[in-house]
Amino acid sequence: MEVTKIVDEDIAAKVDTQYVEDQLARVQNVGLLYICTSEGGEEDEWTDDDSGMRYIVIHLPYQEVKHIPDARPLMLQLAKERLGLVAGSSLN
């Protein structure tokens, strides 16, 4: 699991990629890219043919992140949704 971010400076500290990486450490061959900017954007997903690594782009709602004290639960929830890890999963 690799987790990175592209975020506006004013909310950078709230987007804790290490937390998500630690929580989903058993997930292999996946890279998550969190984007949280005032410009917004679209979610995307692709698999690198050479490495077999699956990449998932997750857009965090900028205004929501800006006003909540801790974005980690939201980040983890969105990652689990995109990975198909739902209630009852061994990774919950």
PDB file of N, CA and C in Angstrom:
ATOM      1  N   MET A   1       0.848  -1.178   0.000  1.00  0.00           N
ATOM      2  CA  MET A   1       0.000   0.000   0.000  1.00  0.00           C
ATOM      3  C   MET A   1       0.887   1.232   0.000  1.00  0.00           C
ATOM      4  N   GLU A   2       0.646   2.096  -0.943  1.00  0.00           N
ATOM      5  CA  GLU A   2       1.307   3.399  -0.994  1.00  0.00           C
ATOM      6  C   GLU A   2       0.218   4.464  -0.965  1.00  0.00           C
ATOM      7  N   VAL A   3       0.396   5.477  -0.110  1.00  0.00           N
ATOM      8  CA  VAL A   3      -0.610   6.537  -0.008  1.00  0.00           C
ATOM      9  C   VAL A   3       0.099   7.886  -0.120  1.00  0.00           C
ATOM     10  N   THR A   4      -0.376   8.714  -1.037  1.00  0.00           N
ATOM     11  CA  THR A   4       0.186  10.049  -1.218  1.00  0.00           C
ATOM     12  C   THR A   4      -0.958  11.065  -1.306  1.00  0.00           C
ATOM     13  N   LYS A   5      -0.580  12.341  -1.347  1.00  0.00           N
ATOM     14  CA  LYS A   5      -1.606  13.385  -1.385  1.00  0.00           C
ATOM     15  C   LYS A   5      -1.154  14.576  -2.214  1.00  0.00           C
ATOM     16  N   ILE A   6      -2.148  15.248  -2.774  1.00  0.00           N
ATOM     17  CA  ILE A   6      -1.987  16.555  -3.406  1.00  0.00           C
ATOM     18  C   ILE A   6      -3.072  17.412  -2.775  1.00  0.00           C
ATOM     19  N   VAL A   7      -2.666  18.395  -1.984  1.00  0.00           N
ATOM     20  CA  VAL A   7      -3.631  19.171  -1.206  1.00  0.00           C
ATOM     21  C   VAL A   7      -3.236  20.638  -1.167  1.00  0.00           C
ATOM     22  N   ASP A   8      -4.225  21.478  -0.875  1.00  0.00           N
ATOM     23  CA  ASP A   8      -3.930  22.881  -0.627  1.00  0.00           C
ATOM     24  C   ASP A   8      -3.208  22.994   0.706  1.00  0.00           C
ATOM     25  N   GLU A   9      -2.331  23.952   0.797  1.00  0.00           N
ATOM     26  CA  GLU A   9      -1.479  24.122   1.973  1.00  0.00           C
ATOM     27  C   GLU A   9      -2.264  24.303   3.273  1.00  0.00           C
ATOM     28  N   ASP A  10      -3.406  24.989   3.199  1.00  0.00           N
ATOM     29  CA  ASP A  10      -4.143  25.292   4.428  1.00  0.00           C
ATOM     30  C   ASP A  10      -4.780  24.072   5.094  1.00  0.00           C
ATOM     31  N   ILE A  11      -4.910  22.951   4.379  1.00  0.00           N
ATOM     32  CA  ILE A  11      -5.482  21.751   4.990  1.00  0.00           C
ATOM     33  C   ILE A  11      -4.507  20.569   4.954  1.00  0.00           C
ATOM     34  N   ALA A  12      -3.288  20.814   4.581  1.00  0.00           N
ATOM     35  CA  ALA A  12      -2.309  19.729   4.400  1.00  0.00           C
ATOM     36  C   ALA A  12      -2.131  18.871   5.652  1.00  0.00           C
ATOM     37  N   ALA A  13      -2.100  19.479   6.817  1.00  0.00           N
ATOM     38  CA  ALA A  13      -1.876  18.722   8.054  1.00  0.00           C
ATOM     39  C   ALA A  13      -3.053  17.803   8.380  1.00  0.00           C
ATOM     40  N   LYS A  14      -4.228  18.106   7.897  1.00  0.00           N
ATOM     41  CA  LYS A  14      -5.414  17.283   8.178  1.00  0.00           C
ATOM     42  C   LYS A  14      -5.462  16.005   7.335  1.00  0.00           C
ATOM     43  N   VAL A  15      -4.765  16.002   6.215  1.00  0.00           N
ATOM     44  CA  VAL A  15      -4.796  14.852   5.304  1.00  0.00           C
ATOM     45  C   VAL A  15      -3.614  13.950   5.661  1.00  0.00           C
ATOM     46  N   ASP A  16      -3.872  13.019   6.568  1.00  0.00           N
ATOM     47  CA  ASP A  16      -2.850  12.156   7.173  1.00  0.00           C
ATOM     48  C   ASP A  16      -2.745  10.846   6.401  1.00  0.00           C
ATOM     49  N   THR A  17      -1.857  10.824   5.431  1.00  0.00           N
ATOM     50  CA  THR A  17      -1.710   9.638   4.594  1.00  0.00           C
ATOM     51  C   THR A  17      -1.103   8.460   5.359  1.00  0.00           C
ATOM     52  N   GLN A  18      -0.260   8.730   6.323  1.00  0.00           N
ATOM     53  CA  GLN A  18       0.357   7.645   7.096  1.00  0.00           C
ATOM     54  C   GLN A  18      -0.698   6.855   7.871  1.00  0.00           C
ATOM     55  N   TYR A  19      -1.709   7.538   8.387  1.00  0.00           N
ATOM     56  CA  TYR A  19      -2.788   6.875   9.111  1.00  0.00           C
ATOM     57  C   TYR A  19      -3.484   5.849   8.213  1.00  0.00           C
ATOM     58  N   VAL A  20      -3.848   6.259   7.008  1.00  0.00           N
ATOM     59  CA  VAL A  20      -4.531   5.354   6.080  1.00  0.00           C
ATOM     60  C   VAL A  20      -3.605   4.203   5.706  1.00  0.00           C
ATOM     61  N   GLU A  21      -2.360   4.508   5.443  1.00  0.00           N
ATOM     62  CA  GLU A  21      -1.396   3.465   5.092  1.00  0.00           C
ATOM     63  C   GLU A  21      -1.271   2.445   6.226  1.00  0.00           C
ATOM     64  N   ASP A  22      -1.229   2.901   7.454  1.00  0.00           N
ATOM     65  CA  ASP A  22      -1.140   2.002   8.606  1.00  0.00           C
ATOM     66  C   ASP A  22      -2.403   1.158   8.750  1.00  0.00           C
ATOM     67  N   GLN A  23      -3.566   1.762   8.578  1.00  0.00           N
ATOM     68  CA  GLN A  23      -4.833   1.053   8.740  1.00  0.00           C
ATOM     69  C   GLN A  23      -5.069   0.000   7.660  1.00  0.00           C
ATOM     70  N   LEU A  24      -4.545   0.236   6.475  1.00  0.00           N
ATOM     71  CA  LEU A  24      -4.769  -0.671   5.343  1.00  0.00           C
ATOM     72  C   LEU A  24      -3.474  -1.352   4.903  1.00  0.00           C
ATOM     73  N   ALA A  25      -2.567  -1.549   5.829  1.00  0.00           N
ATOM     74  CA  ALA A  25      -1.232  -2.078   5.510  1.00  0.00           C
ATOM     75  C   ALA A  25      -1.278  -3.451   4.839  1.00  0.00           C
ATOM     76  N   ARG A  26      -2.307  -4.227   5.110  1.00  0.00           N
ATOM     77  CA  ARG A  26      -2.380  -5.573   4.525  1.00  0.00           C
ATOM     78  C   ARG A  26      -2.831  -5.574   3.072  1.00  0.00           C
ATOM     79  N   VAL A  27      -3.310  -4.457   2.584  1.00  0.00           N
ATOM     80  CA  VAL A  27      -3.736  -4.367   1.181  1.00  0.00           C
ATOM     81  C   VAL A  27      -2.482  -4.206   0.324  1.00  0.00           C
ATOM     82  N   GLN A  28      -2.296  -5.114  -0.609  1.00  0.00           N
ATOM     83  CA  GLN A  28      -1.096  -5.122  -1.444  1.00  0.00           C
ATOM     84  C   GLN A  28      -1.389  -4.607  -2.857  1.00  0.00           C
ATOM     85  N   ASN A  29      -0.359  -4.095  -3.504  1.00  0.00           N
ATOM     86  CA  ASN A  29      -0.413  -3.659  -4.905  1.00  0.00           C
ATOM     87  C   ASN A  29      -1.461  -2.595  -5.179  1.00  0.00           C
ATOM     88  N   VAL A  30      -1.616  -1.680  -4.212  1.00  0.00           N
ATOM     89  CA  VAL A  30      -2.557  -0.571  -4.387  1.00  0.00           C
ATOM     90  C   VAL A  30      -1.879   0.729  -3.987  1.00  0.00           C
ATOM     91  N   GLY A  31      -2.087   1.746  -4.783  1.00  0.00           N
ATOM     92  CA  GLY A  31      -1.627   3.087  -4.465  1.00  0.00           C
ATOM     93  C   GLY A  31      -2.821   4.021  -4.400  1.00  0.00           C
ATOM     94  N   LEU A  32      -2.945   4.745  -3.308  1.00  0.00           N
ATOM     95  CA  LEU A  32      -4.015   5.726  -3.154  1.00  0.00           C
ATOM     96  C   LEU A  32      -3.435   7.122  -3.289  1.00  0.00           C
ATOM     97  N   LEU A  33      -4.116   7.963  -4.034  1.00  0.00           N
ATOM     98  CA  LEU A  33      -3.735   9.363  -4.161  1.00  0.00           C
ATOM     99  C   LEU A  33      -4.933  10.196  -3.736  1.00  0.00           C
ATOM    100  N   TYR A  34      -4.780  10.885  -2.600  1.00  0.00           N
ATOM    101  CA  TYR A  34      -5.827  11.781  -2.121  1.00  0.00           C
ATOM    102  C   TYR A  34      -5.581  13.162  -2.709  1.00  0.00           C
ATOM    103  N   ILE A  35      -6.642  13.735  -3.264  1.00  0.00           N
ATOM    104  CA  ILE A  35      -6.572  15.096  -3.771  1.00  0.00           C
ATOM    105  C   ILE A  35      -7.613  15.922  -3.031  1.00  0.00           C
ATOM    106  N   CYS A  36      -7.161  17.021  -2.445  1.00  0.00           N
ATOM    107  CA  CYS A  36      -8.070  17.916  -1.730  1.00  0.00           C
ATOM    108  C   CYS A  36      -7.619  19.343  -1.988  1.00  0.00           C
ATOM    109  N   THR A  37      -8.196  19.913  -3.028  1.00  0.00           N
ATOM    110  CA  THR A  37      -7.862  21.285  -3.410  1.00  0.00           C
ATOM    111  C   THR A  37      -9.149  22.070  -3.616  1.00  0.00           C
ATOM    112  N   SER A  38      -9.030  23.367  -3.540  1.00  0.00           N
ATOM    113  CA  SER A  38     -10.206  24.214  -3.739  1.00  0.00           C
ATOM    114  C   SER A  38     -10.734  24.114  -5.173  1.00  0.00           C
ATOM    115  N   GLU A  39      -9.921  23.650  -6.107  1.00  0.00           N
ATOM    116  CA  GLU A  39     -10.348  23.504  -7.501  1.00  0.00           C
ATOM    117  C   GLU A  39     -11.184  22.249  -7.729  1.00  0.00           C
ATOM    118  N   GLY A  40     -11.094  21.264  -6.834  1.00  0.00           N
ATOM    119  CA  GLY A  40     -11.836  20.018  -7.011  1.00  0.00           C
ATOM    120  C   GLY A  40     -11.181  19.126  -8.047  1.00  0.00           C
ATOM    121  N   GLY A  41     -11.977  18.258  -8.660  1.00  0.00           N
ATOM    122  CA  GLY A  41     -11.467  17.343  -9.668  1.00  0.00           C
ATOM    123  C   GLY A  41     -12.298  16.086  -9.736  1.00  0.00           C
ATOM    124  N   GLU A  42     -11.841  15.129 -10.521  1.00  0.00           N
ATOM    125  CA  GLU A  42     -12.582  13.892 -10.717  1.00  0.00           C
ATOM    126  C   GLU A  42     -11.796  12.710 -10.184  1.00  0.00           C
ATOM    127  N   GLU A  43     -12.534  11.693  -9.731  1.00  0.00           N
ATOM    128  CA  GLU A  43     -11.888  10.480  -9.260  1.00  0.00           C
ATOM    129  C   GLU A  43     -11.479   9.653 -10.464  1.00  0.00           C
ATOM    130  N   ASP A  44     -10.477   8.825 -10.271  1.00  0.00           N
ATOM    131  CA  ASP A  44      -9.949   8.025 -11.363  1.00  0.00           C
ATOM    132  C   ASP A  44      -9.391   6.735 -10.772  1.00  0.00           C
ATOM    133  N   GLU A  45      -9.134   5.793 -11.643  1.00  0.00           N
ATOM    134  CA  GLU A  45      -8.544   4.524 -11.229  1.00  0.00           C
ATOM    135  C   GLU A  45      -7.907   3.879 -12.453  1.00  0.00           C
ATOM    136  N   TRP A  46      -6.748   3.279 -12.267  1.00  0.00           N
ATOM    137  CA  TRP A  46      -6.097   2.565 -13.353  1.00  0.00           C
ATOM    138  C   TRP A  46      -5.128   1.539 -12.766  1.00  0.00           C
ATOM    139  N   THR A  47      -4.720   0.604 -13.608  1.00  0.00           N
ATOM    140  CA  THR A  47      -3.744  -0.406 -13.220  1.00  0.00           C
ATOM    141  C   THR A  47      -2.542  -0.275 -14.129  1.00  0.00           C
ATOM    142  N   ASP A  48      -1.362  -0.235 -13.526  1.00  0.00           N
ATOM    143  CA  ASP A  48      -0.116  -0.182 -14.283  1.00  0.00           C
ATOM    144  C   ASP A  48       0.137  -1.575 -14.855  1.00  0.00           C
ATOM    145  N   ASP A  49       0.198  -1.659 -16.166  1.00  0.00           N
ATOM    146  CA  ASP A  49       0.367  -2.958 -16.819  1.00  0.00           C
ATOM    147  C   ASP A  49       1.692  -3.623 -16.474  1.00  0.00           C
ATOM    148  N   ASP A  50       2.739  -2.852 -16.288  1.00  0.00           N
ATOM    149  CA  ASP A  50       4.051  -3.426 -16.009  1.00  0.00           C
ATOM    150  C   ASP A  50       4.162  -3.954 -14.583  1.00  0.00           C
ATOM    151  N   SER A  51       3.722  -3.179 -13.613  1.00  0.00           N
ATOM    152  CA  SER A  51       3.878  -3.569 -12.210  1.00  0.00           C
ATOM    153  C   SER A  51       2.659  -4.291 -11.640  1.00  0.00           C
ATOM    154  N   GLY A  52       1.505  -4.137 -12.281  1.00  0.00           N
ATOM    155  CA  GLY A  52       0.274  -4.709 -11.757  1.00  0.00           C
ATOM    156  C   GLY A  52      -0.307  -3.904 -10.602  1.00  0.00           C
ATOM    157  N   MET A  53       0.293  -2.755 -10.317  1.00  0.00           N
ATOM    158  CA  MET A  53      -0.154  -1.892  -9.229  1.00  0.00           C
ATOM    159  C   MET A  53      -1.440  -1.184  -9.635  1.00  0.00           C
ATOM    160  N   ARG A  54      -2.429  -1.220  -8.747  1.00  0.00           N
ATOM    161  CA  ARG A  54      -3.707  -0.529  -8.962  1.00  0.00           C
ATOM    162  C   ARG A  54      -3.627   0.831  -8.286  1.00  0.00           C
ATOM    163  N   TYR A  55      -3.920   1.878  -9.026  1.00  0.00           N
ATOM    164  CA  TYR A  55      -3.893   3.242  -8.501  1.00  0.00           C
ATOM    165  C   TYR A  55      -5.314   3.783  -8.433  1.00  0.00           C
ATOM    166  N   ILE A  56      -5.634   4.409  -7.307  1.00  0.00           N
ATOM    167  CA  ILE A  56      -6.963   4.962  -7.087  1.00  0.00           C
ATOM    168  C   ILE A  56      -6.819   6.423  -6.661  1.00  0.00           C
ATOM    169  N   VAL A  57      -7.494   7.314  -7.373  1.00  0.00           N
ATOM    170  CA  VAL A  57      -7.513   8.727  -7.025  1.00  0.00           C
ATOM    171  C   VAL A  57      -8.797   8.994  -6.249  1.00  0.00           C
ATOM    172  N   ILE A  58      -8.649   9.539  -5.039  1.00  0.00           N
ATOM    173  CA  ILE A  58      -9.788   9.853  -4.193  1.00  0.00           C
ATOM    174  C   ILE A  58      -9.805  11.355  -3.934  1.00  0.00           C
ATOM    175  N   HIS A  59     -10.886  11.998  -4.328  1.00  0.00           N
ATOM    176  CA  HIS A  59     -11.030  13.434  -4.077  1.00  0.00           C
ATOM    177  C   HIS A  59     -11.762  13.644  -2.763  1.00  0.00           C
ATOM    178  N   LEU A  60     -11.132  14.351  -1.869  1.00  0.00           N
ATOM    179  CA  LEU A  60     -11.754  14.717  -0.603  1.00  0.00           C
ATOM    180  C   LEU A  60     -12.469  16.054  -0.785  1.00  0.00           C
ATOM    181  N   PRO A  61     -13.653  16.201  -0.226  1.00  0.00           N
ATOM    182  CA  PRO A  61     -14.389  17.467  -0.365  1.00  0.00           C
ATOM    183  C   PRO A  61     -13.677  18.587   0.416  1.00  0.00           C
ATOM    184  N   TYR A  62     -13.125  19.521  -0.305  1.00  0.00           N
ATOM    185  CA  TYR A  62     -12.283  20.564   0.279  1.00  0.00           C
ATOM    186  C   TYR A  62     -12.973  21.316   1.413  1.00  0.00           C
ATOM    187  N   GLN A  63     -14.185  21.802   1.189  1.00  0.00           N
ATOM    188  CA  GLN A  63     -14.871  22.595   2.213  1.00  0.00           C
ATOM    189  C   GLN A  63     -15.144  21.772   3.470  1.00  0.00           C
ATOM    190  N   GLU A  64     -15.493  20.512   3.286  1.00  0.00           N
ATOM    191  CA  GLU A  64     -15.740  19.647   4.442  1.00  0.00           C
ATOM    192  C   GLU A  64     -14.451  19.420   5.233  1.00  0.00           C
ATOM    193  N   VAL A  65     -13.376  19.096   4.541  1.00  0.00           N
ATOM    194  CA  VAL A  65     -12.088  18.868   5.218  1.00  0.00           C
ATOM    195  C   VAL A  65     -11.632  20.131   5.929  1.00  0.00           C
ATOM    196  N   LYS A  66     -11.848  21.251   5.308  1.00  0.00           N
ATOM    197  CA  LYS A  66     -11.435  22.525   5.891  1.00  0.00           C
ATOM    198  C   LYS A  66     -12.128  22.782   7.227  1.00  0.00           C
ATOM    199  N   HIS A  67     -13.362  22.300   7.385  1.00  0.00           N
ATOM    200  CA  HIS A  67     -14.145  22.626   8.576  1.00  0.00           C
ATOM    201  C   HIS A  67     -14.241  21.505   9.607  1.00  0.00           C
ATOM    202  N   ILE A  68     -13.704  20.327   9.312  1.00  0.00           N
ATOM    203  CA  ILE A  68     -13.735  19.254  10.312  1.00  0.00           C
ATOM    204  C   ILE A  68     -12.385  19.194  11.024  1.00  0.00           C
ATOM    205  N   PRO A  69     -12.401  18.815  12.299  1.00  0.00           N
ATOM    206  CA  PRO A  69     -11.138  18.775  13.045  1.00  0.00           C
ATOM    207  C   PRO A  69     -10.222  17.623  12.654  1.00  0.00           C
ATOM    208  N   ASP A  70     -10.790  16.509  12.145  1.00  0.00           N
ATOM    209  CA  ASP A  70      -9.985  15.332  11.842  1.00  0.00           C
ATOM    210  C   ASP A  70     -10.525  14.665  10.582  1.00  0.00           C
ATOM    211  N   ALA A  71      -9.756  14.673   9.506  1.00  0.00           N
ATOM    212  CA  ALA A  71     -10.195  14.103   8.234  1.00  0.00           C
ATOM    213  C   ALA A  71      -9.890  12.613   8.126  1.00  0.00           C
ATOM    214  N   ARG A  72      -9.179  12.050   9.084  1.00  0.00           N
ATOM    215  CA  ARG A  72      -8.772  10.641   8.970  1.00  0.00           C
ATOM    216  C   ARG A  72      -9.938   9.665   8.835  1.00  0.00           C
ATOM    217  N   PRO A  73     -11.014   9.787   9.642  1.00  0.00           N
ATOM    218  CA  PRO A  73     -12.130   8.842   9.457  1.00  0.00           C
ATOM    219  C   PRO A  73     -12.742   8.924   8.053  1.00  0.00           C
ATOM    220  N   LEU A  74     -12.887  10.121   7.533  1.00  0.00           N
ATOM    221  CA  LEU A  74     -13.418  10.307   6.181  1.00  0.00           C
ATOM    222  C   LEU A  74     -12.492   9.676   5.151  1.00  0.00           C
ATOM    223  N   MET A  75     -11.209   9.913   5.295  1.00  0.00           N
ATOM    224  CA  MET A  75     -10.229   9.344   4.366  1.00  0.00           C
ATOM    225  C   MET A  75     -10.300   7.824   4.359  1.00  0.00           C
ATOM    226  N   LEU A  76     -10.351   7.227   5.536  1.00  0.00           N
ATOM    227  CA  LEU A  76     -10.391   5.773   5.643  1.00  0.00           C
ATOM    228  C   LEU A  76     -11.693   5.227   5.067  1.00  0.00           C
ATOM    229  N   GLN A  77     -12.795   5.881   5.367  1.00  0.00           N
ATOM    230  CA  GLN A  77     -14.092   5.448   4.844  1.00  0.00           C
ATOM    231  C   GLN A  77     -14.101   5.455   3.316  1.00  0.00           C
ATOM    232  N   LEU A  78     -13.622   6.546   2.721  1.00  0.00           N
ATOM    233  CA  LEU A  78     -13.613   6.649   1.257  1.00  0.00           C
ATOM    234  C   LEU A  78     -12.676   5.620   0.636  1.00  0.00           C
ATOM    235  N   ALA A  79     -11.546   5.363   1.272  1.00  0.00           N
ATOM    236  CA  ALA A  79     -10.618   4.355   0.759  1.00  0.00           C
ATOM    237  C   ALA A  79     -11.253   2.973   0.793  1.00  0.00           C
ATOM    238  N   LYS A  80     -11.894   2.645   1.902  1.00  0.00           N
ATOM    239  CA  LYS A  80     -12.544   1.330   2.018  1.00  0.00           C
ATOM    240  C   LYS A  80     -13.653   1.175   0.978  1.00  0.00           C
ATOM    241  N   GLU A  81     -14.414   2.245   0.757  1.00  0.00           N
ATOM    242  CA  GLU A  81     -15.465   2.189  -0.263  1.00  0.00           C
ATOM    243  C   GLU A  81     -14.885   1.919  -1.635  1.00  0.00           C
ATOM    244  N   ARG A  82     -13.835   2.622  -1.986  1.00  0.00           N
ATOM    245  CA  ARG A  82     -13.221   2.459  -3.309  1.00  0.00           C
ATOM    246  C   ARG A  82     -12.546   1.102  -3.470  1.00  0.00           C
ATOM    247  N   LEU A  83     -12.052   0.557  -2.359  1.00  0.00           N
ATOM    248  CA  LEU A  83     -11.403  -0.754  -2.397  1.00  0.00           C
ATOM    249  C   LEU A  83     -12.401  -1.900  -2.291  1.00  0.00           C
ATOM    250  N   GLY A  84     -13.662  -1.571  -2.008  1.00  0.00           N
ATOM    251  CA  GLY A  84     -14.673  -2.607  -1.854  1.00  0.00           C
ATOM    252  C   GLY A  84     -14.624  -3.292  -0.507  1.00  0.00           C
ATOM    253  N   LEU A  85     -14.016  -2.644   0.482  1.00  0.00           N
ATOM    254  CA  LEU A  85     -13.953  -3.190   1.836  1.00  0.00           C
ATOM    255  C   LEU A  85     -15.136  -2.645   2.628  1.00  0.00           C
ATOM    256  N   VAL A  86     -16.141  -3.467   2.808  1.00  0.00           N
ATOM    257  CA  VAL A  86     -17.362  -3.012   3.480  1.00  0.00           C
ATOM    258  C   VAL A  86     -17.503  -3.692   4.837  1.00  0.00           C
ATOM    259  N   ALA A  87     -18.547  -3.362   5.553  1.00  0.00           N
ATOM    260  CA  ALA A  87     -18.791  -3.944   6.885  1.00  0.00           C
ATOM    261  C   ALA A  87     -18.691  -5.461   6.807  1.00  0.00           C
ATOM    262  N   GLY A  88     -18.015  -6.017   7.797  1.00  0.00           N
ATOM    263  CA  GLY A  88     -17.823  -7.460   7.840  1.00  0.00           C
ATOM    264  C   GLY A  88     -16.501  -7.902   7.255  1.00  0.00           C
ATOM    265  N   SER A  89     -15.788  -6.990   6.620  1.00  0.00           N
ATOM    266  CA  SER A  89     -14.490  -7.325   6.061  1.00  0.00           C
ATOM    267  C   SER A  89     -13.469  -7.530   7.176  1.00  0.00           C
ATOM    268  N   SER A  90     -12.503  -8.368   6.936  1.00  0.00           N
ATOM    269  CA  SER A  90     -11.468  -8.634   7.931  1.00  0.00           C
ATOM    270  C   SER A  90     -10.541  -7.452   8.116  1.00  0.00           C
ATOM    271  N   LEU A  91     -10.604  -6.464   7.220  1.00  0.00           N
ATOM    272  CA  LEU A  91      -9.733  -5.302   7.344  1.00  0.00           C
ATOM    273  C   LEU A  91     -10.419  -4.150   8.056  1.00  0.00           C
ATOM    274  N   ASN A  92     -11.675  -4.279   8.447  1.00  0.00           N
ATOM    275  CA  ASN A  92     -12.383  -3.216   9.166  1.00  0.00           C
ATOM    276  C   ASN A  92     -11.915  -3.140  10.585  1.00  0.00           C
TER     277      ASN A  92
END
